[in-house]
Amino acid sequence: MPQINIRMESISGEKFWESGKPVPSEVHVSTNLNIVGVNSKEDILSIPFVVTIGYNPSVAQISLKGEAQVGGEDVELEEIQEKYKENENPPKPLVQNIINKSLVEATMVSRTLNIPPPVPLPSPQKQKKPKNQTI
């Protein structure tokens, strides 16, 4: 399992929705990850990326740019480079790490812009009353 370190280099957010106007209750959020390249630096891979989070209806947009630094066995690193060259999907742990870090940062931006967070927040579960409870 490669070691993955995510660094953010640029975060921007823009609210399109009129201030004071309530945001619709049904907002769909899409997240798009673009791996810009895979560069070998000594014993690690440098993988620049861009994550774009869009809202529908067009409430806002958040963009994040960063770099994933991946370390591990030479065979693992070479496999990641080959998959990139052949336009194959990157390894799931790499994608998950980038998306998770990006969503944490985007959630903070969404709070500042007063827009819905890019991930659904957990809703409290209603507790069921037990049937025929005797005291």
N, C-alpha and C. Protein backbone atom coordinates (compact mmCIF):
# COMPACT_ATOMS: atom_id res chain seq x y z
N MET A 1 0.85 -1.19 0.00
CA MET A 1 0.00 0.00 0.00
C MET A 1 0.89 1.24 0.00
N PRO A 2 0.76 2.08 -1.01
CA PRO A 2 1.61 3.27 -1.06
C PRO A 2 1.22 4.29 0.03
N GLN A 3 2.19 5.10 0.40
CA GLN A 3 1.95 6.19 1.35
C GLN A 3 1.55 7.42 0.54
N ILE A 4 0.45 8.07 0.94
CA ILE A 4 -0.09 9.18 0.18
C ILE A 4 -0.20 10.41 1.07
N ASN A 5 0.37 11.51 0.60
CA ASN A 5 0.30 12.78 1.31
C ASN A 5 -0.32 13.81 0.36
N ILE A 6 -1.38 14.49 0.82
CA ILE A 6 -2.10 15.45 -0.01
C ILE A 6 -1.79 16.86 0.46
N ARG A 7 -1.39 17.73 -0.47
CA ARG A 7 -1.15 19.15 -0.17
C ARG A 7 -2.03 20.00 -1.07
N MET A 8 -2.71 20.95 -0.46
CA MET A 8 -3.52 21.89 -1.24
C MET A 8 -2.66 23.10 -1.58
N GLU A 9 -2.80 23.58 -2.80
CA GLU A 9 -2.04 24.74 -3.24
C GLU A 9 -2.92 25.94 -3.57
N SER A 10 -4.20 25.67 -3.89
CA SER A 10 -5.11 26.75 -4.24
C SER A 10 -6.54 26.30 -3.96
N ILE A 11 -7.30 27.17 -3.29
CA ILE A 11 -8.71 26.88 -3.02
C ILE A 11 -9.49 28.15 -3.36
N SER A 12 -10.52 28.00 -4.20
CA SER A 12 -11.34 29.16 -4.50
C SER A 12 -12.81 28.74 -4.51
N GLY A 13 -13.64 29.66 -4.10
CA GLY A 13 -15.08 29.41 -4.09
C GLY A 13 -15.82 30.65 -4.52
N GLU A 14 -16.89 30.43 -5.25
CA GLU A 14 -17.69 31.56 -5.71
C GLU A 14 -19.16 31.21 -5.55
N LYS A 15 -19.90 32.12 -4.92
CA LYS A 15 -21.33 31.94 -4.72
C LYS A 15 -22.06 32.70 -5.82
N PHE A 16 -22.94 32.01 -6.52
CA PHE A 16 -23.71 32.63 -7.60
C PHE A 16 -25.11 33.01 -7.13
N TRP A 17 -25.58 32.39 -6.07
CA TRP A 17 -26.94 32.59 -5.58
C TRP A 17 -27.05 33.94 -4.90
N GLU A 18 -28.14 34.62 -5.13
CA GLU A 18 -28.36 35.95 -4.56
C GLU A 18 -28.40 35.87 -3.03
N SER A 19 -27.65 36.77 -2.38
CA SER A 19 -27.63 36.80 -0.92
C SER A 19 -29.02 37.13 -0.38
N GLY A 20 -29.40 36.46 0.68
CA GLY A 20 -30.70 36.68 1.28
C GLY A 20 -31.80 35.81 0.68
N LYS A 21 -31.58 35.30 -0.51
CA LYS A 21 -32.56 34.44 -1.16
C LYS A 21 -32.32 33.01 -0.67
N PRO A 22 -33.36 32.32 -0.19
CA PRO A 22 -33.14 30.97 0.34
C PRO A 22 -32.66 30.00 -0.74
N VAL A 23 -31.69 29.18 -0.38
CA VAL A 23 -31.17 28.17 -1.30
C VAL A 23 -32.21 27.06 -1.41
N PRO A 24 -32.45 26.54 -2.61
CA PRO A 24 -33.44 25.46 -2.78
C PRO A 24 -33.12 24.27 -1.88
N SER A 25 -34.17 23.57 -1.45
CA SER A 25 -33.96 22.42 -0.56
C SER A 25 -33.34 21.25 -1.32
N GLU A 26 -33.59 21.14 -2.60
CA GLU A 26 -33.01 20.07 -3.41
C GLU A 26 -31.85 20.63 -4.24
N VAL A 27 -30.65 20.46 -3.74
CA VAL A 27 -29.45 20.90 -4.46
C VAL A 27 -28.60 19.66 -4.73
N HIS A 28 -28.23 19.47 -5.98
CA HIS A 28 -27.38 18.34 -6.35
C HIS A 28 -25.94 18.84 -6.47
N VAL A 29 -25.03 18.08 -5.90
CA VAL A 29 -23.63 18.46 -5.90
C VAL A 29 -22.86 17.43 -6.72
N SER A 30 -22.02 17.91 -7.63
CA SER A 30 -21.18 17.01 -8.41
C SER A 30 -19.72 17.33 -8.12
N THR A 31 -18.92 16.28 -8.03
CA THR A 31 -17.50 16.42 -7.76
C THR A 31 -16.73 15.83 -8.92
N ASN A 32 -15.78 16.60 -9.46
CA ASN A 32 -15.00 16.16 -10.60
C ASN A 32 -13.52 16.24 -10.24
N LEU A 33 -12.80 15.13 -10.39
CA LEU A 33 -11.36 15.08 -10.12
C LEU A 33 -10.61 14.90 -11.42
N ASN A 34 -9.65 15.79 -11.68
CA ASN A 34 -8.76 15.66 -12.84
C ASN A 34 -7.33 15.52 -12.35
N ILE A 35 -6.71 14.41 -12.72
CA ILE A 35 -5.28 14.21 -12.46
C ILE A 35 -4.54 14.89 -13.61
N VAL A 36 -3.70 15.86 -13.29
CA VAL A 36 -3.05 16.68 -14.31
C VAL A 36 -1.79 16.03 -14.85
N GLY A 37 -1.14 15.20 -14.05
CA GLY A 37 0.09 14.55 -14.49
C GLY A 37 0.60 13.61 -13.42
N VAL A 38 1.63 12.86 -13.77
CA VAL A 38 2.33 12.00 -12.81
C VAL A 38 3.81 12.20 -13.06
N ASN A 39 4.49 12.80 -12.08
CA ASN A 39 5.91 13.11 -12.23
C ASN A 39 6.71 12.36 -11.17
N SER A 40 7.82 11.78 -11.59
CA SER A 40 8.67 11.05 -10.67
C SER A 40 9.73 12.00 -10.10
N LYS A 41 9.81 12.05 -8.76
CA LYS A 41 10.82 12.86 -8.07
C LYS A 41 11.52 11.96 -7.06
N GLU A 42 12.74 11.56 -7.39
CA GLU A 42 13.51 10.65 -6.54
C GLU A 42 12.71 9.40 -6.23
N ASP A 43 12.31 9.20 -4.98
CA ASP A 43 11.61 7.96 -4.61
C ASP A 43 10.11 8.17 -4.38
N ILE A 44 9.55 9.28 -4.90
CA ILE A 44 8.11 9.54 -4.77
C ILE A 44 7.53 9.97 -6.12
N LEU A 45 6.22 9.90 -6.21
CA LEU A 45 5.52 10.44 -7.37
C LEU A 45 4.83 11.73 -6.95
N SER A 46 4.92 12.72 -7.80
CA SER A 46 4.20 13.97 -7.60
C SER A 46 3.03 13.96 -8.59
N ILE A 47 1.82 14.05 -8.03
CA ILE A 47 0.63 13.94 -8.86
C ILE A 47 -0.24 15.18 -8.66
N PRO A 48 -0.09 16.20 -9.54
CA PRO A 48 -0.94 17.38 -9.42
C PRO A 48 -2.37 17.06 -9.83
N PHE A 49 -3.32 17.72 -9.18
CA PHE A 49 -4.73 17.46 -9.45
C PHE A 49 -5.55 18.73 -9.31
N VAL A 50 -6.75 18.69 -9.90
CA VAL A 50 -7.74 19.76 -9.76
C VAL A 50 -9.07 19.09 -9.42
N VAL A 51 -9.73 19.58 -8.38
CA VAL A 51 -11.06 19.10 -8.01
C VAL A 51 -12.02 20.26 -8.17
N THR A 52 -13.11 20.02 -8.88
CA THR A 52 -14.14 21.04 -9.07
C THR A 52 -15.44 20.50 -8.49
N ILE A 53 -16.07 21.32 -7.67
CA ILE A 53 -17.35 20.96 -7.06
C ILE A 53 -18.40 21.93 -7.56
N GLY A 54 -19.40 21.40 -8.24
CA GLY A 54 -20.45 22.23 -8.81
C GLY A 54 -21.80 21.92 -8.18
N TYR A 55 -22.65 22.91 -8.16
CA TYR A 55 -23.99 22.78 -7.59
C TYR A 55 -25.03 22.95 -8.68
N ASN A 56 -26.13 22.18 -8.60
CA ASN A 56 -27.23 22.30 -9.53
C ASN A 56 -28.52 22.35 -8.72
N PRO A 57 -29.31 23.44 -8.75
CA PRO A 57 -29.12 24.62 -9.57
C PRO A 57 -27.82 25.35 -9.23
N SER A 58 -27.44 26.24 -10.08
CA SER A 58 -26.14 26.90 -10.00
C SER A 58 -26.06 27.84 -8.79
N VAL A 59 -25.79 27.24 -7.63
CA VAL A 59 -25.69 27.99 -6.38
C VAL A 59 -24.27 28.53 -6.19
N ALA A 60 -23.29 27.68 -6.50
CA ALA A 60 -21.89 28.05 -6.28
C ALA A 60 -20.98 27.07 -7.01
N GLN A 61 -19.69 27.38 -6.98
CA GLN A 61 -18.67 26.48 -7.48
C GLN A 61 -17.44 26.61 -6.61
N ILE A 62 -16.82 25.48 -6.32
CA ILE A 62 -15.60 25.47 -5.51
C ILE A 62 -14.54 24.72 -6.31
N SER A 63 -13.34 25.31 -6.40
CA SER A 63 -12.22 24.67 -7.11
C SER A 63 -11.05 24.52 -6.16
N LEU A 64 -10.41 23.37 -6.23
CA LEU A 64 -9.26 23.09 -5.40
C LEU A 64 -8.14 22.53 -6.27
N LYS A 65 -6.94 23.05 -6.09
CA LYS A 65 -5.78 22.54 -6.81
C LYS A 65 -4.78 22.07 -5.77
N GLY A 66 -4.13 20.97 -6.07
CA GLY A 66 -3.17 20.47 -5.11
C GLY A 66 -2.25 19.44 -5.72
N GLU A 67 -1.54 18.76 -4.84
CA GLU A 67 -0.57 17.76 -5.27
C GLU A 67 -0.63 16.59 -4.30
N ALA A 68 -0.70 15.40 -4.86
CA ALA A 68 -0.58 14.18 -4.07
C ALA A 68 0.85 13.70 -4.21
N GLN A 69 1.49 13.43 -3.08
CA GLN A 69 2.82 12.85 -3.10
C GLN A 69 2.68 11.39 -2.67
N VAL A 70 3.10 10.51 -3.55
CA VAL A 70 2.91 9.08 -3.31
C VAL A 70 4.27 8.41 -3.19
N GLY A 71 4.46 7.73 -2.08
CA GLY A 71 5.69 6.98 -1.85
C GLY A 71 5.36 5.51 -1.68
N GLY A 72 6.30 4.66 -1.94
CA GLY A 72 6.06 3.23 -1.80
C GLY A 72 7.11 2.44 -2.55
N GLU A 73 6.79 1.19 -2.78
CA GLU A 73 7.69 0.29 -3.52
C GLU A 73 7.81 0.77 -4.97
N ASP A 74 8.98 0.59 -5.55
CA ASP A 74 9.21 1.00 -6.94
C ASP A 74 8.18 0.40 -7.89
N VAL A 75 7.82 -0.87 -7.66
CA VAL A 75 6.86 -1.55 -8.53
C VAL A 75 5.50 -0.85 -8.48
N GLU A 76 5.06 -0.46 -7.27
CA GLU A 76 3.78 0.23 -7.12
C GLU A 76 3.79 1.58 -7.84
N LEU A 77 4.88 2.32 -7.67
CA LEU A 77 4.98 3.65 -8.28
C LEU A 77 5.01 3.55 -9.81
N GLU A 78 5.75 2.56 -10.32
CA GLU A 78 5.81 2.36 -11.77
C GLU A 78 4.43 1.98 -12.32
N GLU A 79 3.67 1.19 -11.56
CA GLU A 79 2.33 0.79 -11.99
C GLU A 79 1.41 2.01 -12.09
N ILE A 80 1.51 2.92 -11.13
CA ILE A 80 0.70 4.14 -11.16
C ILE A 80 1.05 4.97 -12.38
N GLN A 81 2.35 5.10 -12.67
CA GLN A 81 2.79 5.86 -13.85
C GLN A 81 2.27 5.22 -15.14
N GLU A 82 2.37 3.91 -15.23
CA GLU A 82 1.92 3.21 -16.45
C GLU A 82 0.42 3.38 -16.65
N LYS A 83 -0.36 3.25 -15.56
CA LYS A 83 -1.81 3.41 -15.67
C LYS A 83 -2.15 4.82 -16.15
N TYR A 84 -1.41 5.82 -15.67
CA TYR A 84 -1.67 7.19 -16.10
C TYR A 84 -1.37 7.34 -17.59
N LYS A 85 -0.24 6.81 -18.03
CA LYS A 85 0.15 6.91 -19.44
C LYS A 85 -0.87 6.23 -20.35
N GLU A 86 -1.50 5.16 -19.86
CA GLU A 86 -2.47 4.40 -20.66
C GLU A 86 -3.91 4.88 -20.43
N ASN A 87 -4.05 6.05 -19.77
CA ASN A 87 -5.37 6.64 -19.49
C ASN A 87 -6.28 5.72 -18.71
N GLU A 88 -5.71 4.90 -17.84
CA GLU A 88 -6.51 4.03 -16.98
C GLU A 88 -6.80 4.78 -15.68
N ASN A 89 -7.78 4.28 -14.95
CA ASN A 89 -8.14 4.91 -13.68
C ASN A 89 -7.01 4.78 -12.67
N PRO A 90 -6.78 5.85 -11.89
CA PRO A 90 -5.77 5.78 -10.85
C PRO A 90 -6.23 4.84 -9.73
N PRO A 91 -5.31 4.39 -8.89
CA PRO A 91 -5.69 3.49 -7.79
C PRO A 91 -6.74 4.13 -6.87
N LYS A 92 -7.68 3.31 -6.40
CA LYS A 92 -8.76 3.81 -5.55
C LYS A 92 -8.24 4.51 -4.29
N PRO A 93 -7.21 4.00 -3.61
CA PRO A 93 -6.75 4.71 -2.41
C PRO A 93 -6.27 6.14 -2.72
N LEU A 94 -5.67 6.33 -3.88
CA LEU A 94 -5.21 7.67 -4.27
C LEU A 94 -6.41 8.59 -4.49
N VAL A 95 -7.40 8.11 -5.24
CA VAL A 95 -8.60 8.90 -5.52
C VAL A 95 -9.32 9.23 -4.21
N GLN A 96 -9.49 8.24 -3.35
CA GLN A 96 -10.19 8.45 -2.08
C GLN A 96 -9.48 9.50 -1.22
N ASN A 97 -8.16 9.42 -1.14
CA ASN A 97 -7.40 10.39 -0.35
C ASN A 97 -7.57 11.80 -0.89
N ILE A 98 -7.48 11.96 -2.20
CA ILE A 98 -7.63 13.29 -2.81
C ILE A 98 -9.05 13.83 -2.56
N ILE A 99 -10.06 13.00 -2.83
CA ILE A 99 -11.45 13.44 -2.67
C ILE A 99 -11.76 13.75 -1.21
N ASN A 100 -11.34 12.89 -0.29
CA ASN A 100 -11.61 13.13 1.13
C ASN A 100 -11.02 14.45 1.60
N LYS A 101 -9.75 14.70 1.29
CA LYS A 101 -9.09 15.95 1.70
C LYS A 101 -9.79 17.14 1.05
N SER A 102 -10.15 17.01 -0.21
CA SER A 102 -10.81 18.10 -0.94
C SER A 102 -12.18 18.42 -0.35
N LEU A 103 -12.93 17.39 0.01
CA LEU A 103 -14.26 17.62 0.57
C LEU A 103 -14.19 18.28 1.95
N VAL A 104 -13.18 17.95 2.73
CA VAL A 104 -13.00 18.61 4.03
C VAL A 104 -12.75 20.10 3.81
N GLU A 105 -11.84 20.42 2.89
CA GLU A 105 -11.53 21.83 2.61
C GLU A 105 -12.75 22.54 2.01
N ALA A 106 -13.44 21.89 1.09
CA ALA A 106 -14.60 22.49 0.43
C ALA A 106 -15.74 22.72 1.42
N THR A 107 -15.86 21.88 2.43
CA THR A 107 -16.90 22.05 3.44
C THR A 107 -16.65 23.34 4.22
N MET A 108 -15.39 23.63 4.52
CA MET A 108 -15.07 24.88 5.22
C MET A 108 -15.39 26.09 4.34
N VAL A 109 -15.09 25.99 3.04
CA VAL A 109 -15.40 27.08 2.11
C VAL A 109 -16.92 27.27 2.01
N SER A 110 -17.66 26.17 1.96
CA SER A 110 -19.11 26.26 1.84
C SER A 110 -19.71 26.95 3.06
N ARG A 111 -19.14 26.73 4.21
CA ARG A 111 -19.63 27.39 5.43
C ARG A 111 -19.39 28.90 5.33
N THR A 112 -18.22 29.28 4.85
CA THR A 112 -17.90 30.70 4.70
C THR A 112 -18.84 31.37 3.71
N LEU A 113 -19.17 30.67 2.61
CA LEU A 113 -20.04 31.23 1.56
C LEU A 113 -21.52 31.10 1.89
N ASN A 114 -21.82 30.40 2.99
CA ASN A 114 -23.21 30.18 3.40
C ASN A 114 -24.01 29.44 2.31
N ILE A 115 -23.42 28.33 1.85
CA ILE A 115 -24.05 27.45 0.87
C ILE A 115 -24.08 26.04 1.46
N PRO A 116 -24.89 25.15 0.89
CA PRO A 116 -24.92 23.78 1.41
C PRO A 116 -23.54 23.12 1.29
N PRO A 117 -23.18 22.29 2.27
CA PRO A 117 -21.89 21.60 2.19
C PRO A 117 -21.88 20.62 1.01
N PRO A 118 -20.70 20.30 0.49
CA PRO A 118 -20.61 19.41 -0.67
C PRO A 118 -20.89 17.95 -0.36
N VAL A 119 -21.03 17.62 0.90
CA VAL A 119 -21.37 16.26 1.30
C VAL A 119 -22.62 16.32 2.16
N PRO A 120 -23.51 15.35 2.04
CA PRO A 120 -24.70 15.39 2.88
C PRO A 120 -24.33 15.19 4.35
N LEU A 121 -24.89 16.03 5.19
CA LEU A 121 -24.65 15.89 6.61
C LEU A 121 -25.57 14.80 7.16
N PRO A 122 -25.09 14.04 8.15
CA PRO A 122 -25.95 12.99 8.70
C PRO A 122 -27.17 13.60 9.38
N SER A 123 -28.30 12.98 9.16
CA SER A 123 -29.51 13.46 9.81
C SER A 123 -29.79 12.59 11.03
N PRO A 124 -30.34 13.19 12.07
CA PRO A 124 -30.59 12.40 13.27
C PRO A 124 -31.62 11.31 12.99
N GLN A 125 -31.36 10.13 13.50
CA GLN A 125 -32.26 9.00 13.33
C GLN A 125 -33.38 9.09 14.37
N LYS A 126 -34.60 8.87 13.93
CA LYS A 126 -35.71 8.83 14.87
C LYS A 126 -35.64 7.50 15.61
N GLN A 127 -35.75 7.57 16.92
CA GLN A 127 -35.72 6.35 17.70
C GLN A 127 -37.10 5.70 17.68
N LYS A 128 -37.11 4.41 17.43
CA LYS A 128 -38.36 3.68 17.41
C LYS A 128 -38.77 3.35 18.84
N LYS A 129 -40.04 3.47 19.08
CA LYS A 129 -40.55 3.12 20.39
C LYS A 129 -40.72 1.61 20.44
N PRO A 130 -40.24 1.00 21.50
CA PRO A 130 -40.40 -0.46 21.58
C PRO A 130 -41.88 -0.82 21.75
N LYS A 131 -42.25 -1.92 21.11
CA LYS A 131 -43.65 -2.38 21.18
C LYS A 131 -43.90 -3.12 22.47
N ASN A 132 -45.07 -2.91 23.04
CA ASN A 132 -45.52 -3.63 24.23
C ASN A 132 -44.48 -3.67 25.35
N GLN A 133 -44.01 -2.51 25.69
CA GLN A 133 -43.00 -2.45 26.75
C GLN A 133 -43.69 -2.56 28.10
N THR A 134 -43.21 -3.46 28.94
CA THR A 134 -43.78 -3.61 30.28
C THR A 134 -42.81 -3.06 31.31
N ILE A 135 -43.39 -2.49 32.34
CA ILE A 135 -42.53 -1.90 33.37
C ILE A 135 -42.57 -2.76 34.60
